[in-house]
Amino acid sequence: MVNGALQLTPPKGYCFDGTPRRGESHVVIASCQILSGGKSGHVVPPAILTVTIGNMDPEFTVPSPKEIAVIADAQLLFSRRHAGTSYTHLGSGGDVRLNTTDSKHWRAYGHVGNYPVLLTLYAPENGALAERGGTALLVETRAGLRATP
């Protein structure tokens, strides 16, 4: 990603939706089995994950979970800070982009080097990932993002 400065490995059982290009700063990830029409991958909970990398910014400060809720104009349901990343479970907005997803969704802000990172997770209504189970998938996604040596 971002001209090769960062590398992303999706969580186990999830694949890129399309082939990411070296210079991209935004990718979409979903179940390999769903994306392949059942031809590859194993069954994992359905979800749509997005990873967006901002422009290099050495002044970037990771917002707190409360600040993320204000940015999203949504109720903060649950939050966790882990390894310099704020994970937030928000009470609304998840169904805005996709009418088959739960209104609850997840956002995580962090950074890799001087690059700001935004992760989002949308999942089917009342599914485990739309609830607190989403934090583990976001932590795994964030762990797969690293600076290229």
Protein backbone atom coordinates (compact mmCIF):
# COMPACT_ATOMS: atom_id res chain seq x y z
CA MET A 1 0.00 0.00 0.00
CA VAL A 2 0.98 3.67 -0.41
CA ASN A 3 3.62 2.98 -3.06
CA GLY A 4 5.03 0.00 -1.22
CA ALA A 5 5.69 1.77 2.11
CA LEU A 6 3.20 -0.48 3.92
CA GLN A 7 2.21 -4.11 3.53
CA LEU A 8 -1.11 -5.67 4.55
CA THR A 9 -1.90 -9.33 5.14
CA PRO A 10 -5.67 -9.89 5.58
CA PRO A 11 -6.97 -11.92 8.54
CA LYS A 12 -7.16 -15.69 8.06
CA GLY A 13 -10.16 -16.61 5.89
CA TYR A 14 -10.52 -13.09 4.46
CA CYS A 15 -9.24 -11.80 1.10
CA PHE A 16 -8.94 -8.56 -0.80
CA ASP A 17 -11.98 -7.66 -2.85
CA GLY A 18 -10.14 -7.25 -6.14
CA THR A 19 -6.41 -7.04 -6.60
CA PRO A 20 -4.87 -4.21 -4.61
CA ARG A 21 -2.45 -2.06 -6.56
CA ARG A 22 0.89 -1.12 -5.10
CA GLY A 23 0.07 2.59 -4.77
CA GLU A 24 -3.39 2.24 -3.25
CA SER A 25 -4.24 3.80 0.06
CA HIS A 26 -7.63 2.08 0.47
CA VAL A 27 -8.59 -1.61 0.26
CA VAL A 28 -11.72 -3.64 0.93
CA ILE A 29 -11.53 -7.08 2.53
CA ALA A 30 -14.27 -9.75 2.81
CA SER A 31 -14.67 -13.51 3.25
CA CYS A 32 -12.56 -15.46 0.72
CA GLN A 33 -15.33 -18.02 0.40
CA ILE A 34 -17.97 -15.40 -0.36
CA LEU A 35 -15.71 -13.50 -2.78
CA SER A 36 -14.85 -16.71 -4.65
CA GLY A 37 -18.42 -18.00 -4.79
CA GLY A 38 -17.48 -20.90 -2.52
CA LYS A 39 -14.48 -22.00 -4.60
CA SER A 40 -11.77 -21.14 -2.06
CA GLY A 41 -11.32 -20.34 1.58
CA HIS A 42 -13.06 -21.69 4.62
CA VAL A 43 -16.19 -20.49 6.35
CA VAL A 44 -15.67 -17.36 8.45
CA PRO A 45 -18.24 -14.88 9.70
CA PRO A 46 -19.28 -12.54 6.89
CA ALA A 47 -17.91 -9.02 7.16
CA ILE A 48 -16.69 -6.14 5.08
CA LEU A 49 -13.50 -4.57 6.32
CA THR A 50 -11.95 -1.43 4.92
CA VAL A 51 -8.40 -0.22 5.46
CA THR A 52 -7.61 3.38 4.62
CA ILE A 53 -4.15 4.91 4.92
CA GLY A 54 -3.86 8.68 5.23
CA ASN A 55 -1.09 10.88 3.93
CA MET A 56 2.17 10.73 5.87
CA ASP A 57 1.73 12.97 8.91
CA PRO A 58 4.32 12.94 11.73
CA GLU A 59 1.95 15.16 13.78
CA PHE A 60 -0.97 12.65 13.65
CA THR A 61 -2.40 11.82 17.06
CA VAL A 62 -4.64 8.78 17.48
CA PRO A 63 -8.08 10.01 18.56
CA SER A 64 -9.60 8.65 21.74
CA PRO A 65 -12.66 6.40 21.50
CA LYS A 66 -14.85 9.32 22.64
CA GLU A 67 -13.39 11.53 19.91
CA ILE A 68 -14.07 8.79 17.33
CA ALA A 69 -17.72 8.64 18.45
CA VAL A 70 -17.98 12.42 18.03
CA ILE A 71 -16.36 12.24 14.56
CA ALA A 72 -18.84 9.51 13.58
CA ASP A 73 -21.77 11.24 15.29
CA ALA A 74 -22.65 7.91 16.91
CA GLN A 75 -23.13 6.45 20.38
CA LEU A 76 -20.02 4.80 21.81
CA LEU A 77 -20.99 1.25 22.84
CA PHE A 78 -17.60 -0.24 23.66
CA SER A 79 -13.98 0.77 23.30
CA ARG A 80 -10.53 -0.67 23.62
CA ARG A 81 -7.05 0.71 23.17
CA HIS A 82 -4.42 -1.78 22.09
CA ALA A 83 -0.89 -1.24 20.77
CA GLY A 84 -1.43 2.43 19.98
CA THR A 85 -4.78 1.90 18.24
CA SER A 86 -8.24 3.01 19.42
CA TYR A 87 -10.99 0.46 18.69
CA THR A 88 -14.58 1.68 18.93
CA HIS A 89 -17.92 -0.05 18.67
CA LEU A 90 -20.45 2.51 17.48
CA GLY A 91 -24.23 2.37 17.84
CA SER A 92 -25.18 3.72 14.42
CA GLY A 93 -23.95 4.38 10.92
CA GLY A 94 -23.07 0.84 9.88
CA ASP A 95 -26.14 0.51 7.69
CA VAL A 96 -25.58 3.80 5.88
CA ARG A 97 -23.37 2.36 3.16
CA LEU A 98 -24.82 -1.16 2.97
CA ASN A 99 -28.46 -1.91 3.61
CA THR A 100 -27.74 -5.51 4.67
CA THR A 101 -25.43 -4.60 7.53
CA ASP A 102 -26.15 -3.86 11.16
CA SER A 103 -26.41 -0.21 12.13
CA LYS A 104 -23.75 -0.96 14.75
CA HIS A 105 -20.24 -1.02 13.32
CA TRP A 106 -16.60 -0.74 14.28
CA ARG A 107 -13.92 1.85 13.62
CA ALA A 108 -10.30 1.81 14.65
CA TYR A 109 -7.75 4.58 14.31
CA GLY A 110 -4.04 4.07 14.67
CA HIS A 111 -0.84 4.63 12.79
CA VAL A 112 1.98 2.71 11.17
CA GLY A 113 5.11 4.81 11.21
CA ASN A 114 3.97 8.29 10.19
CA TYR A 115 0.90 7.02 8.30
CA PRO A 116 -2.54 7.45 9.91
CA VAL A 117 -4.69 4.33 9.57
CA LEU A 118 -8.48 3.95 9.66
CA LEU A 119 -10.07 0.48 9.83
CA THR A 120 -13.81 -0.11 9.60
CA LEU A 121 -15.84 -3.27 10.00
CA TYR A 122 -19.41 -3.79 8.80
CA ALA A 123 -21.24 -7.05 9.56
CA PRO A 124 -24.72 -8.56 9.14
CA GLU A 125 -27.38 -7.49 11.58
CA ASN A 126 -27.19 -9.22 14.98
CA GLY A 127 -24.10 -11.18 13.92
CA ALA A 128 -21.19 -11.79 16.30
CA LEU A 129 -18.96 -9.36 14.41
CA ALA A 130 -21.58 -6.59 14.62
CA GLU A 131 -21.34 -7.05 18.37
CA ARG A 132 -18.23 -7.27 20.55
CA GLY A 133 -16.74 -10.05 18.41
CA GLY A 134 -15.71 -7.40 15.90
CA THR A 135 -12.85 -6.12 18.02
CA ALA A 136 -10.81 -9.32 17.60
CA LEU A 137 -11.11 -9.20 13.80
CA LEU A 138 -10.02 -5.56 13.74
CA VAL A 139 -7.06 -6.30 16.03
CA GLU A 140 -6.04 -9.12 13.68
CA THR A 141 -6.43 -6.86 10.65
CA ARG A 142 -4.35 -4.13 12.30
CA ALA A 143 -1.66 -6.70 13.19
CA GLY A 144 -1.39 -7.60 9.50
CA LEU A 145 -0.46 -4.03 8.57
CA ARG A 146 3.24 -3.16 8.79
CA ALA A 147 5.90 -0.97 7.33
CA THR A 148 7.78 -2.57 4.45
CA PRO A 149 11.42 -3.18 5.39
